[in-house]
Amino acid sequence: SSQCFVLGADLEASLLSFEKLDRASPDLWPEQCKFLPITSSPPKWMAEIERDDIDMLKAVERNGNEINDSVSELGSLTTANLMEKVRGLQNLAYQLGLDECKKPL
């Protein structure tokens, strides 16, 4: 125990810095921030996005919402109901594996 204290004190001493910090702080933001004007037209980069890309992003957002809903649902289950849900997923995965084996290459 006393050995740990000595090691801790040595570690603390090794972390000390004797640097003088009495110098003036530099200006981090010398210029005023200029805000972008709000326009009714979409930004230039957005005009280059194709409709398929927008649809894909919307689908990703929907999937994220569905995942959040599923996590909330799972969190509200009792232990027994959660185990039943896991067993159902295991059975589904097993069945999908069997179906994949039957497909010709």
PDB file of N, CA and C in Angstrom:
ATOM      1  N   SER A   1       0.831  -1.196   0.000  1.00  0.00           N
ATOM      2  CA  SER A   1       0.000   0.000   0.000  1.00  0.00           C
ATOM      3  C   SER A   1       0.872   1.255   0.000  1.00  0.00           C
ATOM      4  N   SER A   2       1.911   1.268   0.860  1.00  0.00           N
ATOM      5  CA  SER A   2       2.797   2.434   0.894  1.00  0.00           C
ATOM      6  C   SER A   2       3.577   2.542  -0.402  1.00  0.00           C
ATOM      7  N   GLN A   3       3.849   1.388  -1.035  1.00  0.00           N
ATOM      8  CA  GLN A   3       4.569   1.401  -2.306  1.00  0.00           C
ATOM      9  C   GLN A   3       3.707   2.068  -3.388  1.00  0.00           C
ATOM     10  N   CYS A   4       2.399   1.816  -3.383  1.00  0.00           N
ATOM     11  CA  CYS A   4       1.504   2.450  -4.334  1.00  0.00           C
ATOM     12  C   CYS A   4       1.493   3.954  -4.134  1.00  0.00           C
ATOM     13  N   PHE A   5       1.552   4.408  -2.868  1.00  0.00           N
ATOM     14  CA  PHE A   5       1.545   5.833  -2.576  1.00  0.00           C
ATOM     15  C   PHE A   5       2.808   6.492  -3.128  1.00  0.00           C
ATOM     16  N   VAL A   6       3.941   5.827  -2.963  1.00  0.00           N
ATOM     17  CA  VAL A   6       5.209   6.366  -3.457  1.00  0.00           C
ATOM     18  C   VAL A   6       5.170   6.454  -4.977  1.00  0.00           C
ATOM     19  N   LEU A   7       4.676   5.385  -5.631  1.00  0.00           N
ATOM     20  CA  LEU A   7       4.578   5.406  -7.078  1.00  0.00           C
ATOM     21  C   LEU A   7       3.648   6.521  -7.542  1.00  0.00           C
ATOM     22  N   GLY A   8       2.543   6.697  -6.830  1.00  0.00           N
ATOM     23  CA  GLY A   8       1.595   7.748  -7.177  1.00  0.00           C
ATOM     24  C   GLY A   8       2.221   9.127  -7.034  1.00  0.00           C
ATOM     25  N   ALA A   9       2.997   9.338  -5.971  1.00  0.00           N
ATOM     26  CA  ALA A   9       3.654  10.625  -5.759  1.00  0.00           C
ATOM     27  C   ALA A   9       4.691  10.874  -6.842  1.00  0.00           C
ATOM     28  N   ASP A  10       5.460   9.833  -7.212  1.00  0.00           N
ATOM     29  CA  ASP A  10       6.452   9.974  -8.273  1.00  0.00           C
ATOM     30  C   ASP A  10       5.769  10.305  -9.600  1.00  0.00           C
ATOM     31  N   LEU A  11       4.661   9.638  -9.863  1.00  0.00           N
ATOM     32  CA  LEU A  11       3.925   9.895 -11.096  1.00  0.00           C
ATOM     33  C   LEU A  11       3.419  11.328 -11.119  1.00  0.00           C
ATOM     34  N   GLU A  12       2.875  11.756  -9.986  1.00  0.00           N
ATOM     35  CA  GLU A  12       2.364  13.119  -9.906  1.00  0.00           C
ATOM     36  C   GLU A  12       3.485  14.136 -10.116  1.00  0.00           C
ATOM     37  N   ALA A  13       4.636  13.884  -9.523  1.00  0.00           N
ATOM     38  CA  ALA A  13       5.777  14.790  -9.678  1.00  0.00           C
ATOM     39  C   ALA A  13       6.256  14.821 -11.130  1.00  0.00           C
ATOM     40  N   SER A  14       6.189  13.679 -11.813  1.00  0.00           N
ATOM     41  CA  SER A  14       6.657  13.632 -13.202  1.00  0.00           C
ATOM     42  C   SER A  14       5.721  14.384 -14.146  1.00  0.00           C
ATOM     43  N   LEU A  15       4.503  14.641 -13.709  1.00  0.00           N
ATOM     44  CA  LEU A  15       3.535  15.337 -14.546  1.00  0.00           C
ATOM     45  C   LEU A  15       3.548  16.855 -14.347  1.00  0.00           C
ATOM     46  N   LEU A  16       4.326  17.334 -13.380  1.00  0.00           N
ATOM     47  CA  LEU A  16       4.393  18.772 -13.126  1.00  0.00           C
ATOM     48  C   LEU A  16       5.107  19.480 -14.263  1.00  0.00           C
ATOM     49  N   SER A  17       4.653  20.671 -14.565  1.00  0.00           N
ATOM     50  CA  SER A  17       5.282  21.484 -15.599  1.00  0.00           C
ATOM     51  C   SER A  17       5.716  22.801 -14.965  1.00  0.00           C
ATOM     52  N   PHE A  18       6.907  23.225 -15.271  1.00  0.00           N
ATOM     53  CA  PHE A  18       7.419  24.481 -14.734  1.00  0.00           C
ATOM     54  C   PHE A  18       7.417  25.580 -15.786  1.00  0.00           C
ATOM     55  N   GLU A  19       6.622  25.396 -16.828  1.00  0.00           N
ATOM     56  CA  GLU A  19       6.512  26.382 -17.893  1.00  0.00           C
ATOM     57  C   GLU A  19       5.861  27.649 -17.340  1.00  0.00           C
ATOM     58  N   LYS A  20       6.395  28.793 -17.726  1.00  0.00           N
ATOM     59  CA  LYS A  20       5.831  30.080 -17.308  1.00  0.00           C
ATOM     60  C   LYS A  20       4.694  30.429 -18.256  1.00  0.00           C
ATOM     61  N   LEU A  21       3.527  30.683 -17.699  1.00  0.00           N
ATOM     62  CA  LEU A  21       2.355  30.980 -18.515  1.00  0.00           C
ATOM     63  C   LEU A  21       1.927  32.434 -18.350  1.00  0.00           C
ATOM     64  N   ASP A  22       2.880  33.320 -18.143  1.00  0.00           N
ATOM     65  CA  ASP A  22       2.532  34.718 -17.914  1.00  0.00           C
ATOM     66  C   ASP A  22       2.477  35.527 -19.204  1.00  0.00           C
ATOM     67  N   ARG A  23       2.634  34.886 -20.332  1.00  0.00           N
ATOM     68  CA  ARG A  23       2.566  35.595 -21.595  1.00  0.00           C
ATOM     69  C   ARG A  23       1.111  35.863 -21.962  1.00  0.00           C
ATOM     70  N   ALA A  24       0.883  36.824 -22.835  1.00  0.00           N
ATOM     71  CA  ALA A  24      -0.473  37.178 -23.260  1.00  0.00           C
ATOM     72  C   ALA A  24      -1.039  36.066 -24.132  1.00  0.00           C
ATOM     73  N   SER A  25      -2.307  35.857 -24.021  1.00  0.00           N
ATOM     74  CA  SER A  25      -2.973  34.832 -24.815  1.00  0.00           C
ATOM     75  C   SER A  25      -3.135  35.326 -26.246  1.00  0.00           C
ATOM     76  N   PRO A  26      -2.886  34.474 -27.245  1.00  0.00           N
ATOM     77  CA  PRO A  26      -3.055  34.912 -28.635  1.00  0.00           C
ATOM     78  C   PRO A  26      -4.533  35.070 -28.973  1.00  0.00           C
ATOM     79  N   ASP A  27      -4.800  35.872 -29.987  1.00  0.00           N
ATOM     80  CA  ASP A  27      -6.176  36.012 -30.472  1.00  0.00           C
ATOM     81  C   ASP A  27      -6.528  34.775 -31.263  1.00  0.00           C
ATOM     82  N   LEU A  28      -7.494  34.037 -30.773  1.00  0.00           N
ATOM     83  CA  LEU A  28      -7.896  32.823 -31.477  1.00  0.00           C
ATOM     84  C   LEU A  28      -8.765  33.154 -32.676  1.00  0.00           C
ATOM     85  N   TRP A  29      -9.577  34.183 -32.560  1.00  0.00           N
ATOM     86  CA  TRP A  29     -10.487  34.563 -33.627  1.00  0.00           C
ATOM     87  C   TRP A  29     -10.284  36.046 -33.927  1.00  0.00           C
ATOM     88  N   PRO A  30      -9.226  36.385 -34.636  1.00  0.00           N
ATOM     89  CA  PRO A  30      -8.961  37.806 -34.866  1.00  0.00           C
ATOM     90  C   PRO A  30     -10.001  38.488 -35.739  1.00  0.00           C
ATOM     91  N   GLU A  31     -10.649  37.766 -36.628  1.00  0.00           N
ATOM     92  CA  GLU A  31     -11.647  38.365 -37.513  1.00  0.00           C
ATOM     93  C   GLU A  31     -13.041  38.101 -36.964  1.00  0.00           C
ATOM     94  N   GLN A  32     -13.927  38.995 -37.273  1.00  0.00           N
ATOM     95  CA  GLN A  32     -15.325  38.788 -36.916  1.00  0.00           C
ATOM     96  C   GLN A  32     -15.889  37.670 -37.784  1.00  0.00           C
ATOM     97  N   CYS A  33     -16.721  36.830 -37.213  1.00  0.00           N
ATOM     98  CA  CYS A  33     -17.374  35.774 -38.004  1.00  0.00           C
ATOM     99  C   CYS A  33     -18.444  36.424 -38.873  1.00  0.00           C
ATOM    100  N   LYS A  34     -18.425  36.089 -40.123  1.00  0.00           N
ATOM    101  CA  LYS A  34     -19.436  36.599 -41.041  1.00  0.00           C
ATOM    102  C   LYS A  34     -20.449  35.481 -41.290  1.00  0.00           C
ATOM    103  N   PHE A  35     -21.688  35.748 -40.957  1.00  0.00           N
ATOM    104  CA  PHE A  35     -22.716  34.735 -41.118  1.00  0.00           C
ATOM    105  C   PHE A  35     -23.154  34.657 -42.577  1.00  0.00           C
ATOM    106  N   LEU A  36     -23.501  33.460 -42.992  1.00  0.00           N
ATOM    107  CA  LEU A  36     -23.973  33.262 -44.355  1.00  0.00           C
ATOM    108  C   LEU A  36     -25.395  33.789 -44.475  1.00  0.00           C
ATOM    109  N   PRO A  37     -25.702  34.436 -45.575  1.00  0.00           N
ATOM    110  CA  PRO A  37     -27.073  34.929 -45.747  1.00  0.00           C
ATOM    111  C   PRO A  37     -28.031  33.751 -45.946  1.00  0.00           C
ATOM    112  N   ILE A  38     -29.219  33.918 -45.458  1.00  0.00           N
ATOM    113  CA  ILE A  38     -30.244  32.890 -45.621  1.00  0.00           C
ATOM    114  C   ILE A  38     -30.936  33.130 -46.952  1.00  0.00           C
ATOM    115  N   THR A  39     -30.956  32.106 -47.780  1.00  0.00           N
ATOM    116  CA  THR A  39     -31.602  32.224 -49.090  1.00  0.00           C
ATOM    117  C   THR A  39     -32.671  31.161 -49.221  1.00  0.00           C
ATOM    118  N   SER A  40     -33.573  31.384 -50.140  1.00  0.00           N
ATOM    119  CA  SER A  40     -34.642  30.413 -50.345  1.00  0.00           C
ATOM    120  C   SER A  40     -34.212  29.295 -51.286  1.00  0.00           C
ATOM    121  N   SER A  41     -33.144  29.510 -52.027  1.00  0.00           N
ATOM    122  CA  SER A  41     -32.689  28.466 -52.947  1.00  0.00           C
ATOM    123  C   SER A  41     -31.728  27.523 -52.218  1.00  0.00           C
ATOM    124  N   PRO A  42     -31.705  26.245 -52.617  1.00  0.00           N
ATOM    125  CA  PRO A  42     -30.802  25.297 -51.959  1.00  0.00           C
ATOM    126  C   PRO A  42     -29.342  25.645 -52.269  1.00  0.00           C
ATOM    127  N   PRO A  43     -28.424  25.245 -51.393  1.00  0.00           N
ATOM    128  CA  PRO A  43     -27.013  25.519 -51.650  1.00  0.00           C
ATOM    129  C   PRO A  43     -26.539  24.834 -52.925  1.00  0.00           C
ATOM    130  N   LYS A  44     -25.447  25.344 -53.470  1.00  0.00           N
ATOM    131  CA  LYS A  44     -24.916  24.853 -54.737  1.00  0.00           C
ATOM    132  C   LYS A  44     -24.595  23.353 -54.672  1.00  0.00           C
ATOM    133  N   TRP A  45     -24.003  22.898 -53.553  1.00  0.00           N
ATOM    134  CA  TRP A  45     -23.625  21.486 -53.448  1.00  0.00           C
ATOM    135  C   TRP A  45     -24.850  20.587 -53.472  1.00  0.00           C
ATOM    136  N   MET A  46     -25.975  21.108 -52.983  1.00  0.00           N
ATOM    137  CA  MET A  46     -27.178  20.292 -52.925  1.00  0.00           C
ATOM    138  C   MET A  46     -27.792  20.094 -54.304  1.00  0.00           C
ATOM    139  N   ALA A  47     -27.549  21.043 -55.197  1.00  0.00           N
ATOM    140  CA  ALA A  47     -28.088  20.929 -56.552  1.00  0.00           C
ATOM    141  C   ALA A  47     -27.459  19.758 -57.292  1.00  0.00           C
ATOM    142  N   GLU A  48     -26.261  19.354 -56.869  1.00  0.00           N
ATOM    143  CA  GLU A  48     -25.559  18.262 -57.531  1.00  0.00           C
ATOM    144  C   GLU A  48     -26.007  16.879 -57.043  1.00  0.00           C
ATOM    145  N   ILE A  49     -26.784  16.855 -55.973  1.00  0.00           N
ATOM    146  CA  ILE A  49     -27.247  15.573 -55.444  1.00  0.00           C
ATOM    147  C   ILE A  49     -28.363  15.045 -56.338  1.00  0.00           C
ATOM    148  N   GLU A  50     -28.228  13.832 -56.737  1.00  0.00           N
ATOM    149  CA  GLU A  50     -29.243  13.229 -57.603  1.00  0.00           C
ATOM    150  C   GLU A  50     -30.431  12.755 -56.773  1.00  0.00           C
ATOM    151  N   ARG A  51     -31.536  12.602 -57.436  1.00  0.00           N
ATOM    152  CA  ARG A  51     -32.770  12.179 -56.769  1.00  0.00           C
ATOM    153  C   ARG A  51     -32.584  10.833 -56.063  1.00  0.00           C
ATOM    154  N   ASP A  52     -31.833   9.909 -56.688  1.00  0.00           N
ATOM    155  CA  ASP A  52     -31.583   8.600 -56.071  1.00  0.00           C
ATOM    156  C   ASP A  52     -30.852   8.758 -54.742  1.00  0.00           C
ATOM    157  N   ASP A  53     -29.894   9.696 -54.696  1.00  0.00           N
ATOM    158  CA  ASP A  53     -29.149   9.925 -53.463  1.00  0.00           C
ATOM    159  C   ASP A  53     -30.067  10.441 -52.364  1.00  0.00           C
ATOM    160  N   ILE A  54     -30.971  11.343 -52.719  1.00  0.00           N
ATOM    161  CA  ILE A  54     -31.912  11.895 -51.744  1.00  0.00           C
ATOM    162  C   ILE A  54     -32.831  10.793 -51.234  1.00  0.00           C
ATOM    163  N   ASP A  55     -33.317   9.949 -52.137  1.00  0.00           N
ATOM    164  CA  ASP A  55     -34.177   8.834 -51.724  1.00  0.00           C
ATOM    165  C   ASP A  55     -33.434   7.884 -50.796  1.00  0.00           C
ATOM    166  N   MET A  56     -32.148   7.630 -51.113  1.00  0.00           N
ATOM    167  CA  MET A  56     -31.357   6.740 -50.269  1.00  0.00           C
ATOM    168  C   MET A  56     -31.184   7.339 -48.867  1.00  0.00           C
ATOM    169  N   LEU A  57     -30.901   8.641 -48.790  1.00  0.00           N
ATOM    170  CA  LEU A  57     -30.730   9.296 -47.492  1.00  0.00           C
ATOM    171  C   LEU A  57     -32.020   9.250 -46.672  1.00  0.00           C
ATOM    172  N   LYS A  58     -33.149   9.422 -47.347  1.00  0.00           N
ATOM    173  CA  LYS A  58     -34.437   9.339 -46.645  1.00  0.00           C
ATOM    174  C   LYS A  58     -34.679   7.924 -46.131  1.00  0.00           C
ATOM    175  N   ALA A  59     -34.290   6.925 -46.917  1.00  0.00           N
ATOM    176  CA  ALA A  59     -34.454   5.530 -46.484  1.00  0.00           C
ATOM    177  C   ALA A  59     -33.569   5.240 -45.280  1.00  0.00           C
ATOM    178  N   VAL A  60     -32.348   5.770 -45.287  1.00  0.00           N
ATOM    179  CA  VAL A  60     -31.445   5.582 -44.147  1.00  0.00           C
ATOM    180  C   VAL A  60     -32.049   6.205 -42.896  1.00  0.00           C
ATOM    181  N   GLU A  61     -32.640   7.380 -43.054  1.00  0.00           N
ATOM    182  CA  GLU A  61     -33.271   8.044 -41.913  1.00  0.00           C
ATOM    183  C   GLU A  61     -34.443   7.214 -41.382  1.00  0.00           C
ATOM    184  N   ARG A  62     -35.268   6.692 -42.305  1.00  0.00           N
ATOM    185  CA  ARG A  62     -36.399   5.845 -41.887  1.00  0.00           C
ATOM    186  C   ARG A  62     -35.904   4.610 -41.156  1.00  0.00           C
ATOM    187  N   ASN A  63     -34.837   3.975 -41.684  1.00  0.00           N
ATOM    188  CA  ASN A  63     -34.289   2.783 -41.035  1.00  0.00           C
ATOM    189  C   ASN A  63     -33.774   3.119 -39.647  1.00  0.00           C
ATOM    190  N   GLY A  64     -33.139   4.278 -39.500  1.00  0.00           N
ATOM    191  CA  GLY A  64     -32.659   4.699 -38.186  1.00  0.00           C
ATOM    192  C   GLY A  64     -33.802   4.851 -37.205  1.00  0.00           C
ATOM    193  N   ASN A  65     -34.914   5.431 -37.672  1.00  0.00           N
ATOM    194  CA  ASN A  65     -36.086   5.579 -36.811  1.00  0.00           C
ATOM    195  C   ASN A  65     -36.665   4.223 -36.440  1.00  0.00           C
ATOM    196  N   GLU A  66     -36.690   3.294 -37.403  1.00  0.00           N
ATOM    197  CA  GLU A  66     -37.198   1.946 -37.125  1.00  0.00           C
ATOM    198  C   GLU A  66     -36.311   1.234 -36.104  1.00  0.00           C
ATOM    199  N   ILE A  67     -35.004   1.414 -36.225  1.00  0.00           N
ATOM    200  CA  ILE A  67     -34.071   0.794 -35.267  1.00  0.00           C
ATOM    201  C   ILE A  67     -34.312   1.358 -33.875  1.00  0.00           C
ATOM    202  N   ASN A  68     -34.488   2.674 -33.769  1.00  0.00           N
ATOM    203  CA  ASN A  68     -34.754   3.284 -32.466  1.00  0.00           C
ATOM    204  C   ASN A  68     -36.034   2.734 -31.859  1.00  0.00           C
ATOM    205  N   ASP A  69     -37.072   2.576 -32.705  1.00  0.00           N
ATOM    206  CA  ASP A  69     -38.329   2.016 -32.217  1.00  0.00           C
ATOM    207  C   ASP A  69     -38.134   0.579 -31.740  1.00  0.00           C
ATOM    208  N   SER A  70     -37.344  -0.205 -32.491  1.00  0.00           N
ATOM    209  CA  SER A  70     -37.103  -1.601 -32.112  1.00  0.00           C
ATOM    210  C   SER A  70     -36.337  -1.688 -30.797  1.00  0.00           C
ATOM    211  N   VAL A  71     -35.357  -0.834 -30.626  1.00  0.00           N
ATOM    212  CA  VAL A  71     -34.582  -0.836 -29.376  1.00  0.00           C
ATOM    213  C   VAL A  71     -35.480  -0.479 -28.209  1.00  0.00           C
ATOM    214  N   SER A  72     -36.359   0.509 -28.396  1.00  0.00           N
ATOM    215  CA  SER A  72     -37.292   0.878 -27.331  1.00  0.00           C
ATOM    216  C   SER A  72     -38.214  -0.284 -26.996  1.00  0.00           C
ATOM    217  N   GLU A  73     -38.684  -0.976 -28.052  1.00  0.00           N
ATOM    218  CA  GLU A  73     -39.566  -2.124 -27.845  1.00  0.00           C
ATOM    219  C   GLU A  73     -38.848  -3.221 -27.064  1.00  0.00           C
ATOM    220  N   LEU A  74     -37.609  -3.523 -27.465  1.00  0.00           N
ATOM    221  CA  LEU A  74     -36.851  -4.572 -26.779  1.00  0.00           C
ATOM    222  C   LEU A  74     -36.576  -4.194 -25.329  1.00  0.00           C
ATOM    223  N   GLY A  75     -36.337  -2.925 -25.083  1.00  0.00           N
ATOM    224  CA  GLY A  75     -36.057  -2.475 -23.723  1.00  0.00           C
ATOM    225  C   GLY A  75     -37.255  -2.603 -22.803  1.00  0.00           C
ATOM    226  N   SER A  76     -38.445  -2.625 -23.377  1.00  0.00           N
ATOM    227  CA  SER A  76     -39.649  -2.707 -22.553  1.00  0.00           C
ATOM    228  C   SER A  76     -40.092  -4.159 -22.293  1.00  0.00           C
ATOM    229  N   LEU A  77     -39.425  -5.134 -22.909  1.00  0.00           N
ATOM    230  CA  LEU A  77     -39.818  -6.537 -22.741  1.00  0.00           C
ATOM    231  C   LEU A  77     -39.331  -7.094 -21.409  1.00  0.00           C
ATOM    232  N   THR A  78     -40.079  -8.063 -20.898  1.00  0.00           N
ATOM    233  CA  THR A  78     -39.613  -8.794 -19.713  1.00  0.00           C
ATOM    234  C   THR A  78     -38.503  -9.740 -20.144  1.00  0.00           C
ATOM    235  N   THR A  79     -37.791 -10.298 -19.192  1.00  0.00           N
ATOM    236  CA  THR A  79     -36.704 -11.220 -19.508  1.00  0.00           C
ATOM    237  C   THR A  79     -37.212 -12.404 -20.322  1.00  0.00           C
ATOM    238  N   ALA A  80     -38.348 -12.966 -19.911  1.00  0.00           N
ATOM    239  CA  ALA A  80     -38.909 -14.124 -20.614  1.00  0.00           C
ATOM    240  C   ALA A  80     -39.292 -13.753 -22.046  1.00  0.00           C
ATOM    241  N   ASN A  81     -39.931 -12.594 -22.210  1.00  0.00           N
ATOM    242  CA  ASN A  81     -40.327 -12.159 -23.560  1.00  0.00           C
ATOM    243  C   ASN A  81     -39.108 -11.868 -24.425  1.00  0.00           C
ATOM    244  N   LEU A  82     -38.064 -11.305 -23.823  1.00  0.00           N
ATOM    245  CA  LEU A  82     -36.837 -11.027 -24.570  1.00  0.00           C
ATOM    246  C   LEU A  82     -36.189 -12.327 -25.027  1.00  0.00           C
ATOM    247  N   MET A  83     -36.143 -13.332 -24.152  1.00  0.00           N
ATOM    248  CA  MET A  83     -35.575 -14.636 -24.516  1.00  0.00           C
ATOM    249  C   MET A  83     -36.389 -15.272 -25.646  1.00  0.00           C
ATOM    250  N   GLU A  84     -37.697 -15.129 -25.593  1.00  0.00           N
ATOM    251  CA  GLU A  84     -38.564 -15.657 -26.656  1.00  0.00           C
ATOM    252  C   GLU A  84     -38.265 -14.949 -27.985  1.00  0.00           C
ATOM    253  N   LYS A  85     -38.072 -13.638 -27.928  1.00  0.00           N
ATOM    254  CA  LYS A  85     -37.743 -12.868 -29.133  1.00  0.00           C
ATOM    255  C   LYS A  85     -36.401 -13.320 -29.714  1.00  0.00           C
ATOM    256  N   VAL A  86     -35.402 -13.545 -28.841  1.00  0.00           N
ATOM    257  CA  VAL A  86     -34.082 -14.004 -29.287  1.00  0.00           C
ATOM    258  C   VAL A  86     -34.198 -15.382 -29.927  1.00  0.00           C
ATOM    259  N   ARG A  87     -34.951 -16.282 -29.303  1.00  0.00           N
ATOM    260  CA  ARG A  87     -35.147 -17.617 -29.877  1.00  0.00           C
ATOM    261  C   ARG A  87     -35.787 -17.517 -31.256  1.00  0.00           C
ATOM    262  N   GLY A  88     -36.767 -16.640 -31.394  1.00  0.00           N
ATOM    263  CA  GLY A  88     -37.414 -16.447 -32.696  1.00  0.00           C
ATOM    264  C   GLY A  88     -36.421 -15.955 -33.743  1.00  0.00           C
ATOM    265  N   LEU A  89     -35.534 -15.035 -33.361  1.00  0.00           N
ATOM    266  CA  LEU A  89     -34.516 -14.543 -34.296  1.00  0.00           C
ATOM    267  C   LEU A  89     -33.517 -15.637 -34.662  1.00  0.00           C
ATOM    268  N   GLN A  90     -33.152 -16.465 -33.680  1.00  0.00           N
ATOM    269  CA  GLN A  90     -32.246 -17.582 -33.964  1.00  0.00           C
ATOM    270  C   GLN A  90     -32.881 -18.560 -34.934  1.00  0.00           C
ATOM    271  N   ASN A  91     -34.158 -18.864 -34.724  1.00  0.00           N
ATOM    272  CA  ASN A  91     -34.869 -19.771 -35.622  1.00  0.00           C
ATOM    273  C   ASN A  91     -34.982 -19.180 -37.022  1.00  0.00           C
ATOM    274  N   LEU A  92     -35.241 -17.881 -37.098  1.00  0.00           N
ATOM    275  CA  LEU A  92     -35.328 -17.219 -38.390  1.00  0.00           C
ATOM    276  C   LEU A  92     -33.978 -17.271 -39.111  1.00  0.00           C
ATOM    277  N   ALA A  93     -32.895 -17.015 -38.386  1.00  0.00           N
ATOM    278  CA  ALA A  93     -31.557 -17.080 -38.993  1.00  0.00           C
ATOM    279  C   ALA A  93     -31.248 -18.487 -39.476  1.00  0.00           C
ATOM    280  N   TYR A  94     -31.618 -19.491 -38.692  1.00  0.00           N
ATOM    281  CA  TYR A  94     -31.392 -20.879 -39.081  1.00  0.00           C
ATOM    282  C   TYR A  94     -32.171 -21.206 -40.353  1.00  0.00           C
ATOM    283  N   GLN A  95     -33.432 -20.767 -40.390  1.00  0.00           N
ATOM    284  CA  GLN A  95     -34.279 -21.036 -41.558  1.00  0.00           C
ATOM    285  C   GLN A  95     -33.728 -20.343 -42.800  1.00  0.00           C
ATOM    286  N   LEU A  96     -33.253 -19.111 -42.643  1.00  0.00           N
ATOM    287  CA  LEU A  96     -32.652 -18.405 -43.776  1.00  0.00           C
ATOM    288  C   LEU A  96     -31.413 -19.140 -44.279  1.00  0.00           C
ATOM    289  N   GLY A  97     -30.619 -19.694 -43.351  1.00  0.00           N
ATOM    290  CA  GLY A  97     -29.441 -20.465 -43.741  1.00  0.00           C
ATOM    291  C   GLY A  97     -29.824 -21.695 -44.536  1.00  0.00           C
ATOM    292  N   LEU A  98     -30.882 -22.385 -44.103  1.00  0.00           N
ATOM    293  CA  LEU A  98     -31.352 -23.559 -44.848  1.00  0.00           C
ATOM    294  C   LEU A  98     -31.831 -23.169 -46.241  1.00  0.00           C
ATOM    295  N   ASP A  99     -32.560 -22.060 -46.320  1.00  0.00           N
ATOM    296  CA  ASP A  99     -33.055 -21.588 -47.616  1.00  0.00           C
ATOM    297  C   ASP A  99     -31.895 -21.235 -48.547  1.00  0.00           C
ATOM    298  N   GLU A 100     -30.853 -20.627 -48.005  1.00  0.00           N
ATOM    299  CA  GLU A 100     -29.686 -20.277 -48.831  1.00  0.00           C
ATOM    300  C   GLU A 100     -28.970 -21.520 -49.346  1.00  0.00           C
ATOM    301  N   CYS A 101     -28.943 -22.573 -48.527  1.00  0.00           N
ATOM    302  CA  CYS A 101     -28.288 -23.811 -48.950  1.00  0.00           C
ATOM    303  C   CYS A 101     -29.030 -24.467 -50.107  1.00  0.00           C
ATOM    304  N   LYS A 102     -30.333 -24.278 -50.167  1.00  0.00           N
ATOM    305  CA  LYS A 102     -31.136 -24.909 -51.207  1.00  0.00           C
ATOM    306  C   LYS A 102     -31.037 -24.185 -52.543  1.00  0.00           C
ATOM    307  N   LYS A 103     -30.625 -22.924 -52.518  1.00  0.00           N
ATOM    308  CA  LYS A 103     -30.542 -22.145 -53.767  1.00  0.00           C
ATOM    309  C   LYS A 103     -29.376 -22.638 -54.606  1.00  0.00           C
ATOM    310  N   PRO A 104     -29.622 -22.790 -55.913  1.00  0.00           N
ATOM    311  CA  PRO A 104     -28.511 -23.176 -56.790  1.00  0.00           C
ATOM    312  C   PRO A 104     -27.549 -22.005 -56.983  1.00  0.00           C
ATOM    313  N   LEU A 105     -26.288 -22.328 -57.137  1.00  0.00           N
ATOM    314  CA  LEU A 105     -25.288 -21.266 -57.340  1.00  0.00           C
ATOM    315  C   LEU A 105     -25.273 -20.822 -58.716  1.00  0.00           C
TER     316      LEU A 105
END
